[in-house]
Amino acid sequence: MTKNTADETKKTYTKQGAADSAAREGARVMGTVLVTSGTGKTGRRVGERLAALGVPVRAGSRAGGVPFDWQDESGWAAALDGAEAAYVAYYPDLAVPGATGAMAAFGR
């Protein structure tokens, strides 16, 4: 018998709980979801939950495998290519100057 750490047990429980919840609610598996700030506090958790439900996830971040930077629009199209949906997290906060303009441009 192997001994799980608290983090491993929590991760297993969370993934199983999310999958069980989706099955009970008849959730449909959707196409790829781009998760902006995908390596950050919120984006990482959202990505993990989606993946546990069987949803393909593309984690976009400034330093991750899928380049995504709110300050560099040139990478947005590539990050969105093939994605059916996006979970949008704006760092550092939506209240900072320029955030609404960036969000509007991203939505176009």
N, C-alpha and C. Protein backbone atom coordinates (compact mmCIF):
# COMPACT_ATOMS: atom_id res chain seq x y z
N MET A 1 0.85 -1.17 0.00
CA MET A 1 0.00 0.00 0.00
C MET A 1 0.89 1.24 0.00
N THR A 2 0.58 2.19 -0.86
CA THR A 2 1.34 3.43 -0.89
C THR A 2 0.62 4.48 -0.07
N LYS A 3 1.39 5.38 0.44
CA LYS A 3 0.82 6.44 1.27
C LYS A 3 0.73 7.71 0.43
N ASN A 4 -0.46 8.27 0.32
CA ASN A 4 -0.65 9.51 -0.43
C ASN A 4 -0.38 10.71 0.47
N THR A 5 0.18 11.74 -0.11
CA THR A 5 0.32 12.98 0.63
C THR A 5 -1.03 13.67 0.66
N ALA A 6 -1.18 14.66 1.52
CA ALA A 6 -2.44 15.39 1.62
C ALA A 6 -2.78 16.05 0.29
N ASP A 7 -1.76 16.60 -0.40
CA ASP A 7 -2.01 17.25 -1.69
C ASP A 7 -2.49 16.26 -2.74
N GLU A 8 -1.89 15.06 -2.77
CA GLU A 8 -2.31 14.04 -3.74
C GLU A 8 -3.73 13.59 -3.47
N THR A 9 -4.06 13.40 -2.20
CA THR A 9 -5.42 12.98 -1.84
C THR A 9 -6.42 14.06 -2.22
N LYS A 10 -6.10 15.31 -1.92
CA LYS A 10 -7.00 16.42 -2.24
C LYS A 10 -7.20 16.52 -3.75
N LYS A 11 -6.11 16.39 -4.52
CA LYS A 11 -6.19 16.49 -5.97
C LYS A 11 -7.07 15.37 -6.54
N THR A 12 -6.88 14.16 -6.04
CA THR A 12 -7.69 13.03 -6.49
C THR A 12 -9.15 13.25 -6.13
N TYR A 13 -9.41 13.68 -4.91
CA TYR A 13 -10.78 13.92 -4.46
C TYR A 13 -11.44 15.01 -5.31
N THR A 14 -10.71 16.09 -5.54
CA THR A 14 -11.27 17.19 -6.31
C THR A 14 -11.61 16.75 -7.73
N LYS A 15 -10.71 16.04 -8.38
CA LYS A 15 -10.96 15.58 -9.75
C LYS A 15 -12.14 14.63 -9.79
N GLN A 16 -12.17 13.69 -8.86
CA GLN A 16 -13.27 12.73 -8.84
C GLN A 16 -14.59 13.43 -8.53
N GLY A 17 -14.56 14.36 -7.57
CA GLY A 17 -15.77 15.09 -7.22
C GLY A 17 -16.31 15.89 -8.40
N ALA A 18 -15.43 16.54 -9.14
CA ALA A 18 -15.85 17.31 -10.30
C ALA A 18 -16.43 16.40 -11.37
N ALA A 19 -15.78 15.26 -11.59
CA ALA A 19 -16.28 14.32 -12.60
C ALA A 19 -17.62 13.74 -12.19
N ASP A 20 -17.76 13.38 -10.91
CA ASP A 20 -19.04 12.85 -10.42
C ASP A 20 -20.14 13.87 -10.55
N SER A 21 -19.84 15.11 -10.21
CA SER A 21 -20.83 16.19 -10.29
C SER A 21 -21.28 16.39 -11.73
N ALA A 22 -20.33 16.38 -12.65
CA ALA A 22 -20.67 16.56 -14.07
C ALA A 22 -21.54 15.41 -14.56
N ALA A 23 -21.22 14.21 -14.15
CA ALA A 23 -22.00 13.04 -14.58
C ALA A 23 -23.43 13.14 -14.06
N ARG A 24 -23.59 13.55 -12.81
CA ARG A 24 -24.94 13.69 -12.24
C ARG A 24 -25.75 14.75 -12.96
N GLU A 25 -25.09 15.82 -13.36
CA GLU A 25 -25.79 16.93 -13.99
C GLU A 25 -25.88 16.79 -15.50
N GLY A 26 -25.36 15.72 -16.05
CA GLY A 26 -25.44 15.49 -17.49
C GLY A 26 -24.64 16.49 -18.30
N ALA A 27 -23.51 16.94 -17.75
CA ALA A 27 -22.69 17.93 -18.45
C ALA A 27 -22.18 17.36 -19.76
N ARG A 28 -22.14 18.19 -20.78
CA ARG A 28 -21.61 17.74 -22.06
C ARG A 28 -20.15 18.17 -22.15
N VAL A 29 -19.37 17.36 -22.79
CA VAL A 29 -17.97 17.71 -22.99
C VAL A 29 -17.91 18.64 -24.19
N MET A 30 -17.28 19.77 -24.00
CA MET A 30 -17.19 20.76 -25.08
C MET A 30 -15.83 20.70 -25.73
N GLY A 31 -15.67 21.52 -26.74
CA GLY A 31 -14.38 21.61 -27.42
C GLY A 31 -13.35 22.31 -26.55
N THR A 32 -12.21 22.58 -27.12
CA THR A 32 -11.11 23.18 -26.39
C THR A 32 -11.48 24.53 -25.79
N VAL A 33 -11.05 24.73 -24.55
CA VAL A 33 -11.27 25.99 -23.84
C VAL A 33 -9.91 26.63 -23.58
N LEU A 34 -9.74 27.87 -24.05
CA LEU A 34 -8.56 28.65 -23.72
C LEU A 34 -8.77 29.22 -22.33
N VAL A 35 -7.82 28.99 -21.44
CA VAL A 35 -7.87 29.57 -20.09
C VAL A 35 -6.75 30.59 -20.02
N THR A 36 -7.11 31.89 -20.02
CA THR A 36 -6.08 32.92 -19.92
C THR A 36 -5.57 32.94 -18.48
N SER A 37 -4.33 33.35 -18.31
CA SER A 37 -3.67 33.28 -17.00
C SER A 37 -3.72 31.85 -16.49
N GLY A 38 -3.53 30.91 -17.41
CA GLY A 38 -3.70 29.49 -17.13
C GLY A 38 -2.72 28.89 -16.15
N THR A 39 -1.64 29.59 -15.83
CA THR A 39 -0.71 29.08 -14.83
C THR A 39 -0.82 29.85 -13.52
N GLY A 40 -1.78 30.77 -13.45
CA GLY A 40 -1.98 31.57 -12.24
C GLY A 40 -2.90 30.88 -11.25
N LYS A 41 -3.18 31.58 -10.17
CA LYS A 41 -3.97 31.01 -9.07
C LYS A 41 -5.35 30.55 -9.53
N THR A 42 -6.10 31.40 -10.18
CA THR A 42 -7.45 31.05 -10.60
C THR A 42 -7.45 30.23 -11.88
N GLY A 43 -6.70 30.67 -12.89
CA GLY A 43 -6.68 29.98 -14.17
C GLY A 43 -6.24 28.53 -14.06
N ARG A 44 -5.24 28.28 -13.23
CA ARG A 44 -4.76 26.91 -13.04
C ARG A 44 -5.86 26.03 -12.46
N ARG A 45 -6.58 26.54 -11.50
CA ARG A 45 -7.66 25.76 -10.87
C ARG A 45 -8.80 25.51 -11.85
N VAL A 46 -9.16 26.52 -12.61
CA VAL A 46 -10.22 26.34 -13.60
C VAL A 46 -9.79 25.30 -14.63
N GLY A 47 -8.56 25.40 -15.11
CA GLY A 47 -8.05 24.43 -16.07
C GLY A 47 -8.06 23.01 -15.53
N GLU A 48 -7.67 22.84 -14.28
CA GLU A 48 -7.68 21.51 -13.66
C GLU A 48 -9.09 20.95 -13.59
N ARG A 49 -10.04 21.78 -13.21
CA ARG A 49 -11.44 21.33 -13.11
C ARG A 49 -11.99 20.94 -14.48
N LEU A 50 -11.72 21.77 -15.47
CA LEU A 50 -12.19 21.45 -16.82
C LEU A 50 -11.57 20.15 -17.31
N ALA A 51 -10.28 20.00 -17.11
CA ALA A 51 -9.59 18.78 -17.54
C ALA A 51 -10.16 17.55 -16.84
N ALA A 52 -10.51 17.69 -15.56
CA ALA A 52 -11.09 16.57 -14.82
C ALA A 52 -12.44 16.17 -15.40
N LEU A 53 -13.10 17.11 -16.04
CA LEU A 53 -14.39 16.83 -16.69
C LEU A 53 -14.21 16.30 -18.11
N GLY A 54 -12.97 16.20 -18.55
CA GLY A 54 -12.71 15.70 -19.89
C GLY A 54 -12.70 16.77 -20.96
N VAL A 55 -12.70 18.02 -20.54
CA VAL A 55 -12.70 19.13 -21.50
C VAL A 55 -11.25 19.43 -21.90
N PRO A 56 -10.96 19.50 -23.19
CA PRO A 56 -9.60 19.87 -23.61
C PRO A 56 -9.31 21.31 -23.21
N VAL A 57 -8.18 21.53 -22.57
CA VAL A 57 -7.82 22.86 -22.05
C VAL A 57 -6.52 23.33 -22.68
N ARG A 58 -6.50 24.60 -23.05
CA ARG A 58 -5.28 25.25 -23.52
C ARG A 58 -4.99 26.37 -22.52
N ALA A 59 -3.93 26.20 -21.73
CA ALA A 59 -3.58 27.18 -20.69
C ALA A 59 -2.67 28.24 -21.28
N GLY A 60 -3.21 29.42 -21.46
CA GLY A 60 -2.42 30.52 -22.00
C GLY A 60 -1.82 31.36 -20.88
N SER A 61 -0.53 31.69 -21.02
CA SER A 61 0.12 32.55 -20.04
C SER A 61 1.36 33.17 -20.66
N ARG A 62 1.88 34.18 -19.99
CA ARG A 62 3.07 34.85 -20.51
C ARG A 62 4.27 33.91 -20.59
N ALA A 63 4.37 32.97 -19.65
CA ALA A 63 5.55 32.10 -19.60
C ALA A 63 5.24 30.64 -19.89
N GLY A 64 4.01 30.33 -20.27
CA GLY A 64 3.62 28.93 -20.47
C GLY A 64 3.84 28.45 -21.89
N GLY A 65 3.37 27.24 -22.13
CA GLY A 65 3.52 26.61 -23.44
C GLY A 65 2.69 27.28 -24.52
N VAL A 66 1.57 27.90 -24.13
CA VAL A 66 0.73 28.64 -25.07
C VAL A 66 0.91 30.12 -24.73
N PRO A 67 1.71 30.84 -25.52
CA PRO A 67 1.98 32.24 -25.21
C PRO A 67 0.71 33.09 -25.24
N PHE A 68 0.46 33.80 -24.15
CA PHE A 68 -0.67 34.72 -24.09
C PHE A 68 -0.29 35.85 -23.14
N ASP A 69 -0.32 37.07 -23.67
CA ASP A 69 0.02 38.25 -22.88
C ASP A 69 -0.98 39.34 -23.23
N TRP A 70 -1.66 39.86 -22.22
CA TRP A 70 -2.64 40.91 -22.46
C TRP A 70 -2.01 42.14 -23.11
N GLN A 71 -0.73 42.35 -22.91
CA GLN A 71 -0.05 43.52 -23.47
C GLN A 71 0.45 43.31 -24.90
N ASP A 72 0.25 42.12 -25.45
CA ASP A 72 0.74 41.80 -26.79
C ASP A 72 -0.34 41.11 -27.61
N GLU A 73 -1.15 41.90 -28.29
CA GLU A 73 -2.27 41.38 -29.08
C GLU A 73 -1.83 40.43 -30.19
N SER A 74 -0.59 40.50 -30.61
CA SER A 74 -0.15 39.68 -31.74
C SER A 74 -0.24 38.18 -31.45
N GLY A 75 -0.25 37.78 -30.21
CA GLY A 75 -0.33 36.36 -29.86
C GLY A 75 -1.73 35.85 -29.59
N TRP A 76 -2.70 36.74 -29.54
CA TRP A 76 -4.06 36.34 -29.16
C TRP A 76 -4.69 35.37 -30.16
N ALA A 77 -4.56 35.65 -31.44
CA ALA A 77 -5.20 34.79 -32.45
C ALA A 77 -4.66 33.36 -32.39
N ALA A 78 -3.36 33.22 -32.23
CA ALA A 78 -2.78 31.87 -32.15
C ALA A 78 -3.27 31.13 -30.90
N ALA A 79 -3.40 31.84 -29.79
CA ALA A 79 -3.88 31.21 -28.56
C ALA A 79 -5.33 30.77 -28.70
N LEU A 80 -6.12 31.56 -29.42
CA LEU A 80 -7.54 31.25 -29.61
C LEU A 80 -7.81 30.24 -30.72
N ASP A 81 -6.85 30.02 -31.60
CA ASP A 81 -7.06 29.15 -32.75
C ASP A 81 -7.55 27.77 -32.33
N GLY A 82 -8.73 27.40 -32.79
CA GLY A 82 -9.31 26.10 -32.49
C GLY A 82 -10.07 26.02 -31.18
N ALA A 83 -10.06 27.09 -30.40
CA ALA A 83 -10.78 27.09 -29.13
C ALA A 83 -12.26 27.37 -29.37
N GLU A 84 -13.11 26.66 -28.67
CA GLU A 84 -14.55 26.86 -28.77
C GLU A 84 -15.03 27.88 -27.74
N ALA A 85 -14.28 28.02 -26.66
CA ALA A 85 -14.66 28.93 -25.58
C ALA A 85 -13.40 29.43 -24.90
N ALA A 86 -13.56 30.45 -24.06
CA ALA A 86 -12.43 30.97 -23.30
C ALA A 86 -12.88 31.33 -21.89
N TYR A 87 -12.04 31.01 -20.93
CA TYR A 87 -12.20 31.49 -19.56
C TYR A 87 -11.21 32.63 -19.45
N VAL A 88 -11.71 33.82 -19.19
CA VAL A 88 -10.86 35.01 -19.24
C VAL A 88 -10.57 35.53 -17.83
N ALA A 89 -9.30 35.53 -17.48
CA ALA A 89 -8.83 36.14 -16.24
C ALA A 89 -7.87 37.25 -16.65
N TYR A 90 -8.06 38.43 -16.12
CA TYR A 90 -7.21 39.56 -16.48
C TYR A 90 -6.32 39.91 -15.31
N TYR A 91 -5.01 39.85 -15.53
CA TYR A 91 -4.05 40.18 -14.48
C TYR A 91 -3.51 41.58 -14.73
N PRO A 92 -3.40 42.42 -13.75
CA PRO A 92 -3.59 42.17 -12.34
C PRO A 92 -5.03 42.33 -11.88
N ASP A 93 -5.83 43.14 -12.57
CA ASP A 93 -7.20 43.38 -12.12
C ASP A 93 -7.95 44.14 -13.21
N LEU A 94 -9.23 43.89 -13.32
CA LEU A 94 -10.03 44.58 -14.33
C LEU A 94 -10.17 46.07 -14.06
N ALA A 95 -9.84 46.52 -12.86
CA ALA A 95 -9.98 47.93 -12.52
C ALA A 95 -8.78 48.78 -12.96
N VAL A 96 -7.70 48.17 -13.41
CA VAL A 96 -6.53 48.96 -13.81
C VAL A 96 -6.80 49.68 -15.13
N PRO A 97 -6.21 50.85 -15.32
CA PRO A 97 -6.40 51.57 -16.58
C PRO A 97 -5.98 50.70 -17.77
N GLY A 98 -6.80 50.72 -18.80
CA GLY A 98 -6.51 49.96 -20.01
C GLY A 98 -7.13 48.58 -20.05
N ALA A 99 -7.61 48.10 -18.92
CA ALA A 99 -8.16 46.75 -18.86
C ALA A 99 -9.41 46.62 -19.72
N THR A 100 -10.31 47.58 -19.65
CA THR A 100 -11.55 47.47 -20.43
C THR A 100 -11.27 47.52 -21.92
N GLY A 101 -10.29 48.32 -22.32
CA GLY A 101 -9.92 48.38 -23.73
C GLY A 101 -9.34 47.06 -24.21
N ALA A 102 -8.49 46.45 -23.39
CA ALA A 102 -7.90 45.15 -23.75
C ALA A 102 -8.98 44.08 -23.84
N MET A 103 -9.92 44.09 -22.91
CA MET A 103 -11.00 43.10 -22.92
C MET A 103 -11.88 43.29 -24.16
N ALA A 104 -12.17 44.53 -24.51
CA ALA A 104 -12.99 44.80 -25.70
C ALA A 104 -12.27 44.33 -26.96
N ALA A 105 -10.98 44.61 -27.06
CA ALA A 105 -10.20 44.18 -28.23
C ALA A 105 -10.15 42.65 -28.31
N PHE A 106 -10.00 41.99 -27.18
CA PHE A 106 -9.95 40.53 -27.15
C PHE A 106 -11.28 39.94 -27.60
N GLY A 107 -12.36 40.57 -27.23
CA GLY A 107 -13.70 40.09 -27.59
C GLY A 107 -14.00 40.21 -29.08
N ARG A 108 -13.32 41.11 -29.76
CA ARG A 108 -13.54 41.26 -31.20
C ARG A 108 -12.86 40.15 -31.91
